[in-house]
Amino acid sequence: MSPFHLPKKKLILFGLRIFVALIFLQTLFFKFSGAPESVAIFSKLGAEPWGRIGTGVLELIASVLLLIPGFGWSGALLGAGLMSGAILSHLFAIGIEQESDGGFLFILALASAAACFSLLWMERQKLTEILQKRMQK
């Protein structure tokens, strides 16, 4: 079925998943290539290179999960955690603006976090069902 024939809620979920996955996948190049901007950020955090590479791996996993039908909620949960960490790092450790980006990375983190939390809210019934099944075991 084409995404244009989906019910409104499914279309919104699809769009949010693609939005977050594209942001995460786009930043992987900088993390995995050792781009100076990325190295500088993780050096400020005292987490270079393992924090940079580890975060990149987790963002890759989140992106894949977001794009697999039935696993979007798990990608959103992982993404929400990662972006919460990024936002807190910007606010309390490294600052809003990085390498003269005008706060662009911070804005991307906020937008990704908002999309991930929106996905989790929209799929809260599915999450509740999963938790109830696990608690019954």
N, C-alpha and C. Protein backbone atom coordinates (compact mmCIF):
# COMPACT_ATOMS: atom_id res chain seq x y z
N MET A 1 0.84 -1.18 0.00
CA MET A 1 0.00 0.00 0.00
C MET A 1 0.89 1.25 0.00
N SER A 2 0.56 2.17 -0.84
CA SER A 2 1.29 3.43 -0.94
C SER A 2 1.08 4.27 0.32
N PRO A 3 2.11 5.01 0.77
CA PRO A 3 1.94 5.84 1.96
C PRO A 3 0.83 6.88 1.81
N PHE A 4 0.46 7.20 0.57
CA PHE A 4 -0.57 8.22 0.34
C PHE A 4 -1.98 7.67 0.51
N HIS A 5 -2.12 6.36 0.67
CA HIS A 5 -3.43 5.75 0.88
C HIS A 5 -3.61 5.29 2.31
N LEU A 6 -2.72 5.67 3.19
CA LEU A 6 -2.79 5.28 4.59
C LEU A 6 -3.74 6.19 5.35
N PRO A 7 -4.34 5.67 6.43
CA PRO A 7 -5.13 6.55 7.29
C PRO A 7 -4.24 7.67 7.84
N LYS A 8 -4.87 8.76 8.26
CA LYS A 8 -4.14 9.95 8.70
C LYS A 8 -3.12 9.65 9.80
N LYS A 9 -3.51 8.87 10.83
CA LYS A 9 -2.59 8.58 11.93
C LYS A 9 -1.38 7.79 11.42
N LYS A 10 -1.61 6.81 10.57
CA LYS A 10 -0.49 6.02 10.04
C LYS A 10 0.43 6.87 9.17
N LEU A 11 -0.14 7.79 8.44
CA LEU A 11 0.66 8.68 7.61
C LEU A 11 1.53 9.60 8.47
N ILE A 12 0.98 10.10 9.55
CA ILE A 12 1.75 10.93 10.48
C ILE A 12 2.87 10.10 11.12
N LEU A 13 2.55 8.89 11.56
CA LEU A 13 3.57 8.01 12.14
C LEU A 13 4.69 7.75 11.13
N PHE A 14 4.31 7.45 9.91
CA PHE A 14 5.27 7.20 8.83
C PHE A 14 6.17 8.42 8.62
N GLY A 15 5.57 9.59 8.54
CA GLY A 15 6.33 10.82 8.33
C GLY A 15 7.30 11.12 9.47
N LEU A 16 6.83 10.94 10.71
CA LEU A 16 7.70 11.18 11.86
C LEU A 16 8.87 10.20 11.89
N ARG A 17 8.59 8.94 11.59
CA ARG A 17 9.67 7.94 11.57
C ARG A 17 10.72 8.28 10.53
N ILE A 18 10.27 8.65 9.34
CA ILE A 18 11.20 9.02 8.27
C ILE A 18 12.00 10.26 8.67
N PHE A 19 11.33 11.25 9.24
CA PHE A 19 11.98 12.49 9.68
C PHE A 19 13.14 12.20 10.63
N VAL A 20 12.85 11.43 11.69
CA VAL A 20 13.89 11.13 12.68
C VAL A 20 15.00 10.28 12.07
N ALA A 21 14.61 9.25 11.32
CA ALA A 21 15.62 8.37 10.71
C ALA A 21 16.56 9.16 9.80
N LEU A 22 16.02 10.07 9.02
CA LEU A 22 16.86 10.87 8.13
C LEU A 22 17.83 11.76 8.90
N ILE A 23 17.37 12.35 9.98
CA ILE A 23 18.27 13.18 10.80
C ILE A 23 19.38 12.32 11.38
N PHE A 24 19.02 11.18 11.96
CA PHE A 24 20.03 10.30 12.55
C PHE A 24 21.01 9.80 11.49
N LEU A 25 20.49 9.36 10.36
CA LEU A 25 21.36 8.82 9.31
C LEU A 25 22.28 9.90 8.73
N GLN A 26 21.77 11.12 8.63
CA GLN A 26 22.58 12.22 8.10
C GLN A 26 23.77 12.53 9.01
N THR A 27 23.57 12.43 10.31
CA THR A 27 24.66 12.77 11.24
C THR A 27 25.70 11.65 11.36
N LEU A 28 25.36 10.46 10.88
CA LEU A 28 26.31 9.34 10.98
C LEU A 28 27.60 9.60 10.23
N PHE A 29 27.50 10.24 9.09
CA PHE A 29 28.71 10.53 8.31
C PHE A 29 29.72 11.29 9.16
N PHE A 30 29.24 12.30 9.89
CA PHE A 30 30.13 13.13 10.70
C PHE A 30 30.71 12.35 11.87
N LYS A 31 29.89 11.49 12.48
CA LYS A 31 30.37 10.71 13.62
C LYS A 31 31.37 9.65 13.19
N PHE A 32 31.04 8.92 12.13
CA PHE A 32 31.89 7.80 11.72
C PHE A 32 33.12 8.22 10.94
N SER A 33 33.09 9.39 10.30
CA SER A 33 34.25 9.84 9.54
C SER A 33 35.24 10.61 10.41
N GLY A 34 34.85 10.90 11.65
CA GLY A 34 35.73 11.67 12.52
C GLY A 34 35.82 13.12 12.10
N ALA A 35 34.72 13.66 11.62
CA ALA A 35 34.69 15.07 11.20
C ALA A 35 35.11 15.96 12.37
N PRO A 36 35.88 17.00 12.11
CA PRO A 36 36.40 17.87 13.17
C PRO A 36 35.31 18.40 14.11
N GLU A 37 34.14 18.74 13.56
CA GLU A 37 33.05 19.25 14.39
C GLU A 37 32.60 18.21 15.40
N SER A 38 32.45 16.99 14.94
CA SER A 38 31.99 15.90 15.80
C SER A 38 33.05 15.56 16.86
N VAL A 39 34.30 15.52 16.43
CA VAL A 39 35.39 15.25 17.37
C VAL A 39 35.45 16.33 18.44
N ALA A 40 35.27 17.59 18.05
CA ALA A 40 35.31 18.70 19.00
C ALA A 40 34.20 18.57 20.05
N ILE A 41 33.01 18.22 19.61
CA ILE A 41 31.87 18.08 20.54
C ILE A 41 32.14 16.98 21.55
N PHE A 42 32.53 15.81 21.07
CA PHE A 42 32.74 14.69 21.99
C PHE A 42 34.00 14.86 22.83
N SER A 43 34.96 15.65 22.34
CA SER A 43 36.14 15.97 23.16
C SER A 43 35.73 16.85 24.35
N LYS A 44 34.83 17.82 24.10
CA LYS A 44 34.32 18.67 25.18
C LYS A 44 33.61 17.83 26.25
N LEU A 45 32.99 16.75 25.80
CA LEU A 45 32.28 15.86 26.74
C LEU A 45 33.21 14.85 27.40
N GLY A 46 34.46 14.80 26.94
CA GLY A 46 35.40 13.82 27.46
C GLY A 46 35.06 12.40 27.02
N ALA A 47 34.43 12.30 25.84
CA ALA A 47 33.96 11.01 25.36
C ALA A 47 34.45 10.71 23.94
N GLU A 48 35.59 11.25 23.58
CA GLU A 48 36.13 11.04 22.24
C GLU A 48 37.17 9.93 22.31
N PRO A 49 37.17 8.94 21.47
CA PRO A 49 36.30 8.68 20.32
C PRO A 49 35.11 7.76 20.64
N TRP A 50 35.16 7.08 21.79
CA TRP A 50 34.16 6.02 22.04
C TRP A 50 32.74 6.55 22.17
N GLY A 51 32.57 7.71 22.75
CA GLY A 51 31.24 8.28 22.85
C GLY A 51 30.69 8.65 21.49
N ARG A 52 31.55 9.18 20.65
CA ARG A 52 31.13 9.55 19.28
C ARG A 52 30.73 8.32 18.48
N ILE A 53 31.57 7.30 18.50
CA ILE A 53 31.30 6.08 17.73
C ILE A 53 30.11 5.32 18.33
N GLY A 54 30.07 5.22 19.66
CA GLY A 54 28.96 4.53 20.31
C GLY A 54 27.63 5.20 20.05
N THR A 55 27.61 6.52 20.12
CA THR A 55 26.39 7.26 19.83
C THR A 55 25.97 7.04 18.38
N GLY A 56 26.93 7.03 17.49
CA GLY A 56 26.63 6.78 16.07
C GLY A 56 26.03 5.41 15.85
N VAL A 57 26.58 4.40 16.52
CA VAL A 57 26.04 3.04 16.39
C VAL A 57 24.61 2.99 16.91
N LEU A 58 24.36 3.63 18.07
CA LEU A 58 23.01 3.63 18.64
C LEU A 58 22.03 4.40 17.74
N GLU A 59 22.48 5.49 17.12
CA GLU A 59 21.61 6.23 16.20
C GLU A 59 21.32 5.41 14.95
N LEU A 60 22.29 4.63 14.49
CA LEU A 60 22.07 3.74 13.35
C LEU A 60 21.03 2.68 13.71
N ILE A 61 21.15 2.09 14.89
CA ILE A 61 20.19 1.08 15.35
C ILE A 61 18.80 1.70 15.45
N ALA A 62 18.71 2.89 16.05
CA ALA A 62 17.42 3.56 16.18
C ALA A 62 16.81 3.83 14.81
N SER A 63 17.62 4.26 13.85
CA SER A 63 17.12 4.54 12.50
C SER A 63 16.54 3.29 11.85
N VAL A 64 17.26 2.19 11.98
CA VAL A 64 16.79 0.93 11.39
C VAL A 64 15.49 0.50 12.05
N LEU A 65 15.44 0.56 13.38
CA LEU A 65 14.22 0.17 14.10
C LEU A 65 13.04 1.04 13.71
N LEU A 66 13.29 2.33 13.54
CA LEU A 66 12.21 3.24 13.14
C LEU A 66 11.61 2.86 11.79
N LEU A 67 12.42 2.26 10.93
CA LEU A 67 11.97 1.95 9.57
C LEU A 67 11.41 0.54 9.42
N ILE A 68 11.55 -0.30 10.44
CA ILE A 68 11.02 -1.67 10.38
C ILE A 68 9.60 -1.67 10.94
N PRO A 69 8.63 -2.10 10.12
CA PRO A 69 7.25 -2.15 10.61
C PRO A 69 7.14 -2.98 11.90
N GLY A 70 6.43 -2.43 12.87
CA GLY A 70 6.24 -3.10 14.15
C GLY A 70 7.31 -2.78 15.18
N PHE A 71 8.41 -2.16 14.76
CA PHE A 71 9.49 -1.84 15.69
C PHE A 71 9.74 -0.35 15.81
N GLY A 72 8.89 0.45 15.19
CA GLY A 72 9.06 1.90 15.24
C GLY A 72 9.07 2.44 16.65
N TRP A 73 8.24 1.85 17.52
CA TRP A 73 8.19 2.31 18.91
C TRP A 73 9.54 2.13 19.60
N SER A 74 10.25 1.03 19.30
CA SER A 74 11.53 0.80 19.96
C SER A 74 12.59 1.77 19.44
N GLY A 75 12.55 2.08 18.15
CA GLY A 75 13.45 3.10 17.60
C GLY A 75 13.16 4.47 18.18
N ALA A 76 11.87 4.77 18.37
CA ALA A 76 11.48 6.05 18.97
C ALA A 76 11.94 6.14 20.42
N LEU A 77 11.83 5.03 21.14
CA LEU A 77 12.26 5.01 22.54
C LEU A 77 13.77 5.22 22.65
N LEU A 78 14.52 4.52 21.82
CA LEU A 78 15.97 4.69 21.80
C LEU A 78 16.33 6.11 21.36
N GLY A 79 15.66 6.60 20.33
CA GLY A 79 15.92 7.96 19.85
C GLY A 79 15.61 9.01 20.89
N ALA A 80 14.52 8.82 21.62
CA ALA A 80 14.15 9.78 22.68
C ALA A 80 15.23 9.82 23.75
N GLY A 81 15.75 8.66 24.11
CA GLY A 81 16.83 8.61 25.10
C GLY A 81 18.09 9.29 24.60
N LEU A 82 18.46 8.99 23.37
CA LEU A 82 19.66 9.60 22.79
C LEU A 82 19.53 11.12 22.69
N MET A 83 18.38 11.59 22.23
CA MET A 83 18.20 13.02 22.06
C MET A 83 18.05 13.74 23.40
N SER A 84 17.51 13.05 24.40
CA SER A 84 17.47 13.64 25.74
C SER A 84 18.89 13.88 26.24
N GLY A 85 19.76 12.90 26.01
CA GLY A 85 21.17 13.05 26.38
C GLY A 85 21.84 14.18 25.61
N ALA A 86 21.53 14.29 24.32
CA ALA A 86 22.12 15.36 23.50
C ALA A 86 21.66 16.73 23.99
N ILE A 87 20.37 16.85 24.28
CA ILE A 87 19.84 18.14 24.75
C ILE A 87 20.47 18.52 26.09
N LEU A 88 20.55 17.57 27.01
CA LEU A 88 21.16 17.85 28.31
C LEU A 88 22.64 18.20 28.16
N SER A 89 23.32 17.54 27.23
CA SER A 89 24.73 17.86 26.98
C SER A 89 24.88 19.29 26.47
N HIS A 90 24.00 19.69 25.56
CA HIS A 90 24.05 21.06 25.05
C HIS A 90 23.77 22.07 26.16
N LEU A 91 22.79 21.77 27.00
CA LEU A 91 22.39 22.73 28.03
C LEU A 91 23.40 22.85 29.16
N PHE A 92 24.02 21.74 29.54
CA PHE A 92 24.84 21.74 30.76
C PHE A 92 26.34 21.53 30.55
N ALA A 93 26.76 21.12 29.35
CA ALA A 93 28.18 20.82 29.19
C ALA A 93 28.84 21.53 28.02
N ILE A 94 28.23 21.48 26.86
CA ILE A 94 28.95 21.96 25.68
C ILE A 94 28.41 23.27 25.10
N GLY A 95 27.23 23.68 25.53
CA GLY A 95 26.64 24.92 25.02
C GLY A 95 25.73 24.68 23.84
N ILE A 96 24.89 25.66 23.58
CA ILE A 96 23.89 25.56 22.51
C ILE A 96 24.55 25.60 21.14
N GLU A 97 25.44 26.55 20.94
CA GLU A 97 26.09 26.71 19.63
C GLU A 97 27.39 25.90 19.60
N GLN A 98 27.57 25.16 18.50
CA GLN A 98 28.76 24.35 18.31
C GLN A 98 29.44 24.71 17.01
N GLU A 99 30.73 25.00 17.09
CA GLU A 99 31.52 25.27 15.88
C GLU A 99 30.82 26.27 14.96
N SER A 100 30.29 27.34 15.53
CA SER A 100 29.63 28.43 14.79
C SER A 100 28.44 27.95 13.96
N ASP A 101 27.68 26.96 14.50
CA ASP A 101 26.53 26.44 13.75
C ASP A 101 25.23 27.19 14.05
N GLY A 102 25.30 28.21 14.91
CA GLY A 102 24.11 28.98 15.24
C GLY A 102 23.07 28.19 16.03
N GLY A 103 23.49 27.10 16.65
CA GLY A 103 22.58 26.26 17.42
C GLY A 103 21.84 25.22 16.60
N PHE A 104 22.28 25.01 15.35
CA PHE A 104 21.58 24.09 14.45
C PHE A 104 21.53 22.67 15.01
N LEU A 105 22.63 22.16 15.54
CA LEU A 105 22.63 20.80 16.10
C LEU A 105 21.68 20.70 17.29
N PHE A 106 21.62 21.74 18.10
CA PHE A 106 20.70 21.76 19.23
C PHE A 106 19.26 21.73 18.74
N ILE A 107 18.96 22.50 17.70
CA ILE A 107 17.61 22.52 17.13
C ILE A 107 17.25 21.15 16.56
N LEU A 108 18.21 20.50 15.88
CA LEU A 108 17.96 19.15 15.36
C LEU A 108 17.68 18.17 16.49
N ALA A 109 18.41 18.30 17.59
CA ALA A 109 18.17 17.43 18.74
C ALA A 109 16.78 17.66 19.32
N LEU A 110 16.38 18.92 19.44
CA LEU A 110 15.04 19.24 19.95
C LEU A 110 13.95 18.69 19.02
N ALA A 111 14.13 18.89 17.71
CA ALA A 111 13.13 18.41 16.74
C ALA A 111 13.05 16.89 16.75
N SER A 112 14.20 16.23 16.82
CA SER A 112 14.22 14.76 16.85
C SER A 112 13.57 14.24 18.12
N ALA A 113 13.89 14.87 19.24
CA ALA A 113 13.29 14.45 20.52
C ALA A 113 11.79 14.64 20.49
N ALA A 114 11.33 15.78 19.98
CA ALA A 114 9.89 16.04 19.90
C ALA A 114 9.21 14.99 19.03
N ALA A 115 9.83 14.65 17.91
CA ALA A 115 9.25 13.64 17.02
C ALA A 115 9.22 12.27 17.69
N CYS A 116 10.30 11.92 18.38
CA CYS A 116 10.35 10.62 19.07
C CYS A 116 9.30 10.54 20.18
N PHE A 117 9.19 11.59 20.98
CA PHE A 117 8.18 11.58 22.04
C PHE A 117 6.76 11.59 21.46
N SER A 118 6.57 12.25 20.32
CA SER A 118 5.27 12.22 19.65
C SER A 118 4.95 10.81 19.16
N LEU A 119 5.94 10.14 18.59
CA LEU A 119 5.74 8.75 18.16
C LEU A 119 5.36 7.86 19.34
N LEU A 120 6.07 8.02 20.44
CA LEU A 120 5.77 7.20 21.63
C LEU A 120 4.36 7.49 22.14
N TRP A 121 3.96 8.74 22.13
CA TRP A 121 2.62 9.09 22.59
C TRP A 121 1.56 8.49 21.66
N MET A 122 1.81 8.59 20.37
CA MET A 122 0.83 8.09 19.40
C MET A 122 0.74 6.56 19.43
N GLU A 123 1.79 5.90 19.87
CA GLU A 123 1.79 4.43 19.94
C GLU A 123 1.71 3.93 21.38
N ARG A 124 1.20 4.76 22.27
CA ARG A 124 1.14 4.40 23.68
C ARG A 124 0.29 3.16 23.94
N GLN A 125 -0.75 2.95 23.14
CA GLN A 125 -1.59 1.77 23.32
C GLN A 125 -0.79 0.50 23.02
N LYS A 126 -0.01 0.52 21.95
CA LYS A 126 0.84 -0.62 21.60
C LYS A 126 1.88 -0.87 22.70
N LEU A 127 2.47 0.21 23.21
CA LEU A 127 3.46 0.08 24.28
C LEU A 127 2.84 -0.51 25.54
N THR A 128 1.63 -0.08 25.86
CA THR A 128 0.92 -0.61 27.03
C THR A 128 0.66 -2.10 26.86
N GLU A 129 0.24 -2.51 25.68
CA GLU A 129 -0.01 -3.92 25.41
C GLU A 129 1.26 -4.75 25.56
N ILE A 130 2.36 -4.24 25.05
CA ILE A 130 3.64 -4.95 25.14
C ILE A 130 4.06 -5.10 26.60
N LEU A 131 3.94 -4.03 27.36
CA LEU A 131 4.31 -4.08 28.79
C LEU A 131 3.41 -5.05 29.56
N GLN A 132 2.12 -5.04 29.25
CA GLN A 132 1.20 -5.96 29.94
C GLN A 132 1.53 -7.41 29.62
N LYS A 133 1.87 -7.72 28.37
CA LYS A 133 2.25 -9.08 28.01
C LYS A 133 3.51 -9.53 28.73
N ARG A 134 4.46 -8.62 28.84
CA ARG A 134 5.73 -8.97 29.51
C ARG A 134 5.54 -9.16 31.01
N MET A 135 4.61 -8.42 31.58
CA MET A 135 4.38 -8.53 33.03
C MET A 135 3.61 -9.83 33.35
N GLN A 136 2.86 -10.36 32.37
CA GLN A 136 2.12 -11.59 32.59
C GLN A 136 3.02 -12.81 32.54
N LYS A 137 4.18 -12.69 31.94
CA LYS A 137 5.10 -13.84 31.81
C LYS A 137 5.73 -14.19 33.12
